[in-house]
Amino acid sequence: MISAFWIALLAFIILFDVGGRYLFGTPLLGATEIIKNSVVSIAFLQLPLAIYRGGMLRTTLLFDSVNPNFQRHLQIFGSVIGLLFFMALSYSSWTPFLESLQVGEYEGEGALRVPTYPVRFLIVLTAAFASLVYLHMIYLDWSGKRDTELSGSSESI
């Protein structure tokens, strides 16, 4: 929901920036910095739902050719790899977040300077949440509840 609103807001920023360049010869000040930081934020905000819905990259050539029991083991393996990756990402992003907060790091020069620490914190937070989603997926696969819970949740969304 937040990322959808953010995308709509970015569309208006881009519209005003392009319109300002075309009609008045003056771009919207700070549009580049806002867009650059927003794209990363939007992508990370959508990660947990993409993981939960099974929207992460997977090669179906091998997956579709094995029996359901082996498919479940492949899903668990992929979830463990995802869990480890996002735990490492969250952990390794913590120090750069603290440093950007302490030094007051900003993107851009002149009229609009955008602070980087909110985006850095969002990366830490959503990577940690993605780890929890992968942990939940491992539980669902291990207990054999993944198909029933995911099919029930997609109908209500």
N, C-alpha and C. Protein backbone atom coordinates (compact mmCIF):
# COMPACT_ATOMS: atom_id res chain seq x y z
N MET A 1 0.82 -1.18 0.00
CA MET A 1 0.00 0.00 0.00
C MET A 1 0.87 1.27 0.00
N ILE A 2 1.87 1.29 0.87
CA ILE A 2 2.76 2.45 0.95
C ILE A 2 3.53 2.60 -0.35
N SER A 3 4.03 1.47 -0.88
CA SER A 3 4.82 1.56 -2.11
C SER A 3 3.95 1.98 -3.30
N ALA A 4 2.69 1.57 -3.34
CA ALA A 4 1.79 1.98 -4.42
C ALA A 4 1.55 3.50 -4.38
N PHE A 5 1.33 4.04 -3.19
CA PHE A 5 1.17 5.49 -3.04
C PHE A 5 2.46 6.22 -3.45
N TRP A 6 3.58 5.64 -3.05
CA TRP A 6 4.88 6.24 -3.35
C TRP A 6 5.11 6.27 -4.86
N ILE A 7 4.73 5.21 -5.57
CA ILE A 7 4.87 5.16 -7.02
C ILE A 7 4.02 6.25 -7.68
N ALA A 8 2.79 6.41 -7.19
CA ALA A 8 1.92 7.46 -7.73
C ALA A 8 2.53 8.85 -7.50
N LEU A 9 3.08 9.06 -6.33
CA LEU A 9 3.73 10.32 -6.02
C LEU A 9 4.93 10.56 -6.94
N LEU A 10 5.71 9.51 -7.20
CA LEU A 10 6.85 9.64 -8.11
C LEU A 10 6.40 9.96 -9.53
N ALA A 11 5.28 9.39 -9.93
CA ALA A 11 4.75 9.69 -11.27
C ALA A 11 4.46 11.18 -11.40
N PHE A 12 3.89 11.79 -10.37
CA PHE A 12 3.62 13.24 -10.41
C PHE A 12 4.91 14.04 -10.38
N ILE A 13 5.89 13.59 -9.62
CA ILE A 13 7.18 14.29 -9.59
C ILE A 13 7.82 14.26 -10.98
N ILE A 14 7.79 13.09 -11.63
CA ILE A 14 8.35 12.97 -12.97
C ILE A 14 7.57 13.83 -13.96
N LEU A 15 6.25 13.83 -13.82
CA LEU A 15 5.41 14.66 -14.70
C LEU A 15 5.76 16.14 -14.56
N PHE A 16 5.88 16.62 -13.32
CA PHE A 16 6.23 18.02 -13.11
C PHE A 16 7.65 18.33 -13.57
N ASP A 17 8.56 17.38 -13.39
CA ASP A 17 9.94 17.58 -13.83
C ASP A 17 10.01 17.68 -15.35
N VAL A 18 9.38 16.75 -16.05
CA VAL A 18 9.39 16.78 -17.52
C VAL A 18 8.62 17.99 -18.04
N GLY A 19 7.46 18.26 -17.45
CA GLY A 19 6.69 19.43 -17.86
C GLY A 19 7.45 20.72 -17.64
N GLY A 20 8.13 20.82 -16.52
CA GLY A 20 8.93 22.01 -16.24
C GLY A 20 10.07 22.18 -17.22
N ARG A 21 10.70 21.08 -17.57
CA ARG A 21 11.80 21.14 -18.56
C ARG A 21 11.26 21.55 -19.93
N TYR A 22 10.14 20.96 -20.32
CA TYR A 22 9.60 21.20 -21.67
C TYR A 22 8.95 22.58 -21.80
N LEU A 23 8.12 22.95 -20.81
CA LEU A 23 7.36 24.20 -20.93
C LEU A 23 8.15 25.42 -20.50
N PHE A 24 8.94 25.30 -19.44
CA PHE A 24 9.61 26.47 -18.87
C PHE A 24 11.13 26.43 -18.96
N GLY A 25 11.68 25.30 -19.40
CA GLY A 25 13.13 25.18 -19.48
C GLY A 25 13.79 25.01 -18.13
N THR A 26 12.99 24.71 -17.11
CA THR A 26 13.51 24.56 -15.75
C THR A 26 13.00 23.25 -15.15
N PRO A 27 13.90 22.36 -14.76
CA PRO A 27 13.44 21.11 -14.15
C PRO A 27 12.97 21.32 -12.72
N LEU A 28 12.26 20.35 -12.20
CA LEU A 28 11.86 20.37 -10.79
C LEU A 28 13.10 20.09 -9.96
N LEU A 29 13.45 21.03 -9.10
CA LEU A 29 14.67 20.89 -8.32
C LEU A 29 14.57 19.71 -7.35
N GLY A 30 15.58 18.85 -7.37
CA GLY A 30 15.65 17.72 -6.46
C GLY A 30 14.94 16.47 -6.95
N ALA A 31 14.33 16.53 -8.13
CA ALA A 31 13.59 15.36 -8.62
C ALA A 31 14.51 14.15 -8.78
N THR A 32 15.70 14.36 -9.29
CA THR A 32 16.63 13.25 -9.49
C THR A 32 16.98 12.56 -8.19
N GLU A 33 17.25 13.33 -7.15
CA GLU A 33 17.62 12.75 -5.86
C GLU A 33 16.45 12.00 -5.23
N ILE A 34 15.27 12.58 -5.33
CA ILE A 34 14.09 11.92 -4.77
C ILE A 34 13.82 10.60 -5.48
N ILE A 35 13.87 10.61 -6.80
CA ILE A 35 13.59 9.41 -7.58
C ILE A 35 14.65 8.35 -7.32
N LYS A 36 15.91 8.75 -7.27
CA LYS A 36 17.00 7.80 -7.06
C LYS A 36 16.85 7.06 -5.74
N ASN A 37 16.50 7.76 -4.69
CA ASN A 37 16.33 7.12 -3.39
C ASN A 37 15.01 6.37 -3.30
N SER A 38 14.00 6.82 -3.99
CA SER A 38 12.69 6.20 -3.91
C SER A 38 12.63 4.84 -4.59
N VAL A 39 13.35 4.68 -5.68
CA VAL A 39 13.32 3.41 -6.41
C VAL A 39 13.81 2.27 -5.51
N VAL A 40 14.88 2.51 -4.78
CA VAL A 40 15.40 1.50 -3.86
C VAL A 40 14.38 1.21 -2.77
N SER A 41 13.79 2.25 -2.22
CA SER A 41 12.81 2.08 -1.15
C SER A 41 11.59 1.29 -1.61
N ILE A 42 11.08 1.61 -2.78
CA ILE A 42 9.89 0.93 -3.29
C ILE A 42 10.18 -0.54 -3.52
N ALA A 43 11.33 -0.84 -4.09
CA ALA A 43 11.70 -2.23 -4.34
C ALA A 43 11.78 -3.02 -3.04
N PHE A 44 12.40 -2.45 -2.03
CA PHE A 44 12.53 -3.16 -0.76
C PHE A 44 11.21 -3.26 0.00
N LEU A 45 10.33 -2.29 -0.15
CA LEU A 45 9.03 -2.39 0.50
C LEU A 45 8.18 -3.53 -0.08
N GLN A 46 8.40 -3.85 -1.34
CA GLN A 46 7.62 -4.90 -1.98
C GLN A 46 8.22 -6.30 -1.82
N LEU A 47 9.43 -6.39 -1.29
CA LEU A 47 10.11 -7.68 -1.16
C LEU A 47 9.36 -8.71 -0.32
N PRO A 48 8.96 -8.41 0.90
CA PRO A 48 8.33 -9.46 1.72
C PRO A 48 7.08 -10.07 1.08
N LEU A 49 6.25 -9.25 0.46
CA LEU A 49 5.05 -9.79 -0.18
C LEU A 49 5.41 -10.64 -1.41
N ALA A 50 6.43 -10.20 -2.15
CA ALA A 50 6.87 -10.98 -3.31
C ALA A 50 7.40 -12.34 -2.88
N ILE A 51 8.11 -12.38 -1.77
CA ILE A 51 8.62 -13.65 -1.25
C ILE A 51 7.46 -14.53 -0.81
N TYR A 52 6.54 -13.97 -0.07
CA TYR A 52 5.43 -14.75 0.47
C TYR A 52 4.53 -15.30 -0.63
N ARG A 53 4.36 -14.55 -1.69
CA ARG A 53 3.52 -15.00 -2.81
C ARG A 53 4.25 -15.91 -3.78
N GLY A 54 5.55 -16.17 -3.53
CA GLY A 54 6.32 -17.02 -4.42
C GLY A 54 6.78 -16.32 -5.67
N GLY A 55 6.92 -15.01 -5.61
CA GLY A 55 7.29 -14.22 -6.77
C GLY A 55 8.77 -14.03 -6.96
N MET A 56 9.59 -14.68 -6.17
CA MET A 56 11.03 -14.56 -6.35
C MET A 56 11.45 -15.46 -7.51
N LEU A 57 12.61 -15.19 -8.06
CA LEU A 57 13.10 -15.89 -9.23
C LEU A 57 13.31 -17.37 -8.93
N ARG A 58 12.78 -18.22 -9.81
CA ARG A 58 12.95 -19.66 -9.66
C ARG A 58 12.95 -20.29 -11.05
N THR A 59 13.83 -21.26 -11.24
CA THR A 59 13.87 -21.98 -12.50
C THR A 59 12.90 -23.14 -12.42
N THR A 60 11.90 -23.14 -13.27
CA THR A 60 10.87 -24.16 -13.21
C THR A 60 11.22 -25.41 -14.01
N LEU A 61 12.28 -25.35 -14.80
CA LEU A 61 12.67 -26.51 -15.60
C LEU A 61 12.95 -27.72 -14.71
N LEU A 62 13.76 -27.54 -13.69
CA LEU A 62 14.06 -28.63 -12.76
C LEU A 62 12.89 -28.84 -11.79
N PHE A 63 12.33 -27.75 -11.31
CA PHE A 63 11.29 -27.83 -10.28
C PHE A 63 10.06 -28.60 -10.77
N ASP A 64 9.62 -28.36 -11.98
CA ASP A 64 8.43 -29.01 -12.51
C ASP A 64 8.66 -30.47 -12.89
N SER A 65 9.92 -30.87 -13.03
CA SER A 65 10.19 -32.24 -13.48
C SER A 65 10.40 -33.23 -12.34
N VAL A 66 10.34 -32.77 -11.10
CA VAL A 66 10.54 -33.68 -9.96
C VAL A 66 9.23 -33.88 -9.21
N ASN A 67 9.20 -34.89 -8.34
CA ASN A 67 7.97 -35.19 -7.60
C ASN A 67 7.72 -34.14 -6.52
N PRO A 68 6.49 -34.05 -6.03
CA PRO A 68 6.13 -33.02 -5.04
C PRO A 68 6.97 -33.05 -3.76
N ASN A 69 7.40 -34.22 -3.33
CA ASN A 69 8.22 -34.30 -2.12
C ASN A 69 9.57 -33.62 -2.34
N PHE A 70 10.19 -33.87 -3.51
CA PHE A 70 11.46 -33.24 -3.81
C PHE A 70 11.27 -31.74 -4.06
N GLN A 71 10.13 -31.36 -4.64
CA GLN A 71 9.83 -29.94 -4.81
C GLN A 71 9.82 -29.23 -3.46
N ARG A 72 9.24 -29.88 -2.47
CA ARG A 72 9.20 -29.28 -1.13
C ARG A 72 10.61 -29.09 -0.58
N HIS A 73 11.49 -30.08 -0.81
CA HIS A 73 12.88 -29.95 -0.35
C HIS A 73 13.61 -28.83 -1.10
N LEU A 74 13.33 -28.69 -2.39
CA LEU A 74 13.91 -27.59 -3.15
C LEU A 74 13.42 -26.24 -2.64
N GLN A 75 12.14 -26.16 -2.30
CA GLN A 75 11.61 -24.91 -1.74
C GLN A 75 12.27 -24.59 -0.40
N ILE A 76 12.45 -25.59 0.43
CA ILE A 76 13.11 -25.37 1.72
C ILE A 76 14.54 -24.89 1.49
N PHE A 77 15.25 -25.54 0.57
CA PHE A 77 16.63 -25.13 0.27
C PHE A 77 16.68 -23.68 -0.22
N GLY A 78 15.79 -23.33 -1.14
CA GLY A 78 15.74 -21.95 -1.63
C GLY A 78 15.40 -20.96 -0.54
N SER A 79 14.51 -21.35 0.35
CA SER A 79 14.13 -20.47 1.47
C SER A 79 15.28 -20.29 2.45
N VAL A 80 16.05 -21.34 2.68
CA VAL A 80 17.22 -21.24 3.57
C VAL A 80 18.24 -20.28 2.96
N ILE A 81 18.48 -20.42 1.65
CA ILE A 81 19.42 -19.50 0.98
C ILE A 81 18.91 -18.06 1.08
N GLY A 82 17.61 -17.85 0.83
CA GLY A 82 17.03 -16.51 0.95
C GLY A 82 17.12 -15.97 2.37
N LEU A 83 16.85 -16.83 3.35
CA LEU A 83 16.96 -16.43 4.75
C LEU A 83 18.37 -15.96 5.08
N LEU A 84 19.36 -16.76 4.68
CA LEU A 84 20.75 -16.39 4.96
C LEU A 84 21.15 -15.10 4.23
N PHE A 85 20.71 -14.97 2.98
CA PHE A 85 21.04 -13.77 2.22
C PHE A 85 20.47 -12.51 2.88
N PHE A 86 19.19 -12.53 3.23
CA PHE A 86 18.58 -11.32 3.79
C PHE A 86 19.03 -11.06 5.22
N MET A 87 19.38 -12.11 5.97
CA MET A 87 19.98 -11.88 7.29
C MET A 87 21.32 -11.18 7.13
N ALA A 88 22.13 -11.65 6.17
CA ALA A 88 23.44 -11.03 5.92
C ALA A 88 23.28 -9.60 5.42
N LEU A 89 22.30 -9.37 4.57
CA LEU A 89 22.06 -8.02 4.06
C LEU A 89 21.64 -7.08 5.18
N SER A 90 20.75 -7.52 6.03
CA SER A 90 20.31 -6.69 7.15
C SER A 90 21.47 -6.39 8.09
N TYR A 91 22.25 -7.40 8.41
CA TYR A 91 23.38 -7.23 9.32
C TYR A 91 24.44 -6.30 8.71
N SER A 92 24.76 -6.52 7.43
CA SER A 92 25.81 -5.70 6.82
C SER A 92 25.36 -4.28 6.51
N SER A 93 24.06 -4.03 6.47
CA SER A 93 23.56 -2.68 6.20
C SER A 93 23.40 -1.85 7.47
N TRP A 94 23.49 -2.48 8.62
CA TRP A 94 23.29 -1.77 9.89
C TRP A 94 24.35 -0.70 10.12
N THR A 95 25.63 -1.04 9.93
CA THR A 95 26.72 -0.08 10.18
C THR A 95 26.65 1.11 9.20
N PRO A 96 26.45 0.89 7.90
CA PRO A 96 26.31 2.06 7.02
C PRO A 96 25.12 2.95 7.39
N PHE A 97 24.04 2.34 7.89
CA PHE A 97 22.90 3.15 8.34
C PHE A 97 23.32 4.03 9.51
N LEU A 98 23.98 3.44 10.50
CA LEU A 98 24.41 4.22 11.67
C LEU A 98 25.38 5.32 11.28
N GLU A 99 26.30 5.02 10.37
CA GLU A 99 27.26 6.03 9.92
C GLU A 99 26.56 7.18 9.19
N SER A 100 25.59 6.85 8.33
CA SER A 100 24.88 7.92 7.61
C SER A 100 24.05 8.77 8.56
N LEU A 101 23.55 8.16 9.62
CA LEU A 101 22.79 8.90 10.62
C LEU A 101 23.70 9.82 11.42
N GLN A 102 24.87 9.32 11.80
CA GLN A 102 25.81 10.10 12.62
C GLN A 102 26.40 11.29 11.86
N VAL A 103 26.76 11.08 10.59
CA VAL A 103 27.41 12.16 9.84
C VAL A 103 26.41 13.03 9.10
N GLY A 104 25.14 12.66 9.10
CA GLY A 104 24.14 13.44 8.39
C GLY A 104 24.33 13.39 6.88
N GLU A 105 24.49 12.18 6.35
CA GLU A 105 24.73 11.99 4.92
C GLU A 105 23.50 12.39 4.10
N TYR A 106 23.75 13.11 3.01
CA TYR A 106 22.69 13.58 2.12
C TYR A 106 23.05 13.28 0.69
N GLU A 107 22.03 13.15 -0.14
CA GLU A 107 22.17 13.03 -1.60
C GLU A 107 21.80 14.38 -2.20
N GLY A 108 22.55 14.81 -3.19
CA GLY A 108 22.19 16.03 -3.91
C GLY A 108 22.95 17.24 -3.42
N GLU A 109 22.92 18.23 -4.25
CA GLU A 109 23.58 19.51 -3.96
C GLU A 109 22.61 20.64 -4.27
N GLY A 110 22.79 21.72 -3.62
CA GLY A 110 22.02 22.91 -3.97
C GLY A 110 20.66 22.98 -3.30
N ALA A 111 19.62 23.11 -4.14
CA ALA A 111 18.28 23.44 -3.65
C ALA A 111 17.67 22.35 -2.77
N LEU A 112 17.90 21.09 -3.08
CA LEU A 112 17.28 20.02 -2.31
C LEU A 112 18.31 18.95 -1.99
N ARG A 113 18.46 18.71 -0.73
CA ARG A 113 19.35 17.65 -0.26
C ARG A 113 18.49 16.62 0.46
N VAL A 114 18.55 15.38 0.00
CA VAL A 114 17.72 14.32 0.54
C VAL A 114 18.56 13.48 1.49
N PRO A 115 18.13 13.30 2.74
CA PRO A 115 18.90 12.47 3.67
C PRO A 115 18.86 11.00 3.24
N THR A 116 19.99 10.32 3.42
CA THR A 116 20.08 8.91 3.00
C THR A 116 19.74 7.93 4.12
N TYR A 117 19.76 8.39 5.37
CA TYR A 117 19.54 7.43 6.46
C TYR A 117 18.15 6.79 6.46
N PRO A 118 17.07 7.46 6.02
CA PRO A 118 15.79 6.74 5.99
C PRO A 118 15.79 5.56 5.02
N VAL A 119 16.42 5.74 3.86
CA VAL A 119 16.50 4.66 2.88
C VAL A 119 17.37 3.54 3.41
N ARG A 120 18.47 3.90 4.03
CA ARG A 120 19.37 2.88 4.60
C ARG A 120 18.66 2.10 5.72
N PHE A 121 17.89 2.78 6.54
CA PHE A 121 17.15 2.08 7.59
C PHE A 121 16.06 1.18 7.00
N LEU A 122 15.42 1.65 5.96
CA LEU A 122 14.40 0.85 5.29
C LEU A 122 14.99 -0.44 4.73
N ILE A 123 16.20 -0.38 4.20
CA ILE A 123 16.88 -1.58 3.71
C ILE A 123 17.13 -2.55 4.86
N VAL A 124 17.62 -2.04 5.99
CA VAL A 124 17.86 -2.90 7.15
C VAL A 124 16.55 -3.53 7.62
N LEU A 125 15.52 -2.73 7.76
CA LEU A 125 14.24 -3.21 8.28
C LEU A 125 13.57 -4.21 7.35
N THR A 126 13.49 -3.90 6.08
CA THR A 126 12.80 -4.82 5.15
C THR A 126 13.61 -6.08 4.90
N ALA A 127 14.93 -6.00 4.94
CA ALA A 127 15.75 -7.21 4.81
C ALA A 127 15.54 -8.12 6.02
N ALA A 128 15.43 -7.53 7.21
CA ALA A 128 15.15 -8.33 8.41
C ALA A 128 13.75 -8.94 8.32
N PHE A 129 12.79 -8.18 7.84
CA PHE A 129 11.43 -8.70 7.69
C PHE A 129 11.38 -9.79 6.62
N ALA A 130 12.14 -9.62 5.54
CA ALA A 130 12.21 -10.65 4.49
C ALA A 130 12.80 -11.93 5.07
N SER A 131 13.76 -11.81 5.98
CA SER A 131 14.31 -12.99 6.66
C SER A 131 13.22 -13.71 7.44
N LEU A 132 12.39 -12.95 8.14
CA LEU A 132 11.30 -13.56 8.89
C LEU A 132 10.29 -14.24 7.96
N VAL A 133 10.03 -13.63 6.81
CA VAL A 133 9.12 -14.25 5.84
C VAL A 133 9.70 -15.57 5.35
N TYR A 134 11.00 -15.58 5.04
CA TYR A 134 11.62 -16.83 4.61
C TYR A 134 11.60 -17.87 5.73
N LEU A 135 11.78 -17.44 6.95
CA LEU A 135 11.69 -18.37 8.08
C LEU A 135 10.29 -18.98 8.17
N HIS A 136 9.28 -18.16 7.96
CA HIS A 136 7.91 -18.65 7.96
C HIS A 136 7.67 -19.61 6.79
N MET A 137 8.25 -19.32 5.65
CA MET A 137 8.11 -20.21 4.49
C MET A 137 8.78 -21.55 4.76
N ILE A 138 9.91 -21.54 5.44
CA ILE A 138 10.58 -22.79 5.80
C ILE A 138 9.67 -23.61 6.72
N TYR A 139 9.07 -22.94 7.70
CA TYR A 139 8.13 -23.64 8.59
C TYR A 139 6.97 -24.23 7.81
N LEU A 140 6.38 -23.45 6.91
CA LEU A 140 5.25 -23.95 6.12
C LEU A 140 5.64 -25.14 5.25
N ASP A 141 6.82 -25.07 4.62
CA ASP A 141 7.27 -26.19 3.79
C ASP A 141 7.59 -27.42 4.64
N TRP A 142 8.24 -27.19 5.76
CA TRP A 142 8.64 -28.30 6.63
C TRP A 142 7.42 -29.03 7.18
N SER A 143 6.40 -28.27 7.52
CA SER A 143 5.19 -28.88 8.09
C SER A 143 4.18 -29.31 7.04
N GLY A 144 4.46 -29.00 5.76
CA GLY A 144 3.55 -29.37 4.68
C GLY A 144 2.32 -28.49 4.59
N LYS A 145 2.34 -27.31 5.19
CA LYS A 145 1.19 -26.41 5.20
C LYS A 145 1.27 -25.31 4.14
N ARG A 146 2.34 -25.27 3.37
CA ARG A 146 2.54 -24.15 2.47
C ARG A 146 1.43 -24.02 1.42
N ASP A 147 1.07 -25.10 0.77
CA ASP A 147 0.07 -25.02 -0.29
C ASP A 147 -1.28 -24.57 0.23
N THR A 148 -1.70 -25.09 1.39
CA THR A 148 -3.02 -24.73 1.90
C THR A 148 -3.06 -23.30 2.40
N GLU A 149 -2.02 -22.86 3.11
CA GLU A 149 -2.03 -21.49 3.65
C GLU A 149 -1.89 -20.46 2.55
N LEU A 150 -1.00 -20.71 1.59
CA LEU A 150 -0.79 -19.72 0.52
C LEU A 150 -1.99 -19.64 -0.41
N SER A 151 -2.63 -20.74 -0.70
CA SER A 151 -3.80 -20.66 -1.58
C SER A 151 -4.95 -19.98 -0.87
N GLY A 152 -5.07 -20.15 0.43
CA GLY A 152 -6.12 -19.46 1.19
C GLY A 152 -5.84 -17.99 1.33
N SER A 153 -4.56 -17.60 1.47
CA SER A 153 -4.25 -16.18 1.67
C SER A 153 -4.34 -15.41 0.37
N SER A 154 -4.07 -16.02 -0.78
CA SER A 154 -4.12 -15.27 -2.03
C SER A 154 -5.55 -14.94 -2.43
N GLU A 155 -6.51 -15.74 -1.96
CA GLU A 155 -7.90 -15.45 -2.28
C GLU A 155 -8.42 -14.24 -1.50
N SER A 156 -7.88 -14.03 -0.31
CA SER A 156 -8.39 -12.93 0.51
C SER A 156 -7.70 -11.61 0.20
N ILE A 157 -6.62 -11.64 -0.55
CA ILE A 157 -5.88 -10.40 -0.84
C ILE A 157 -6.42 -9.74 -2.06
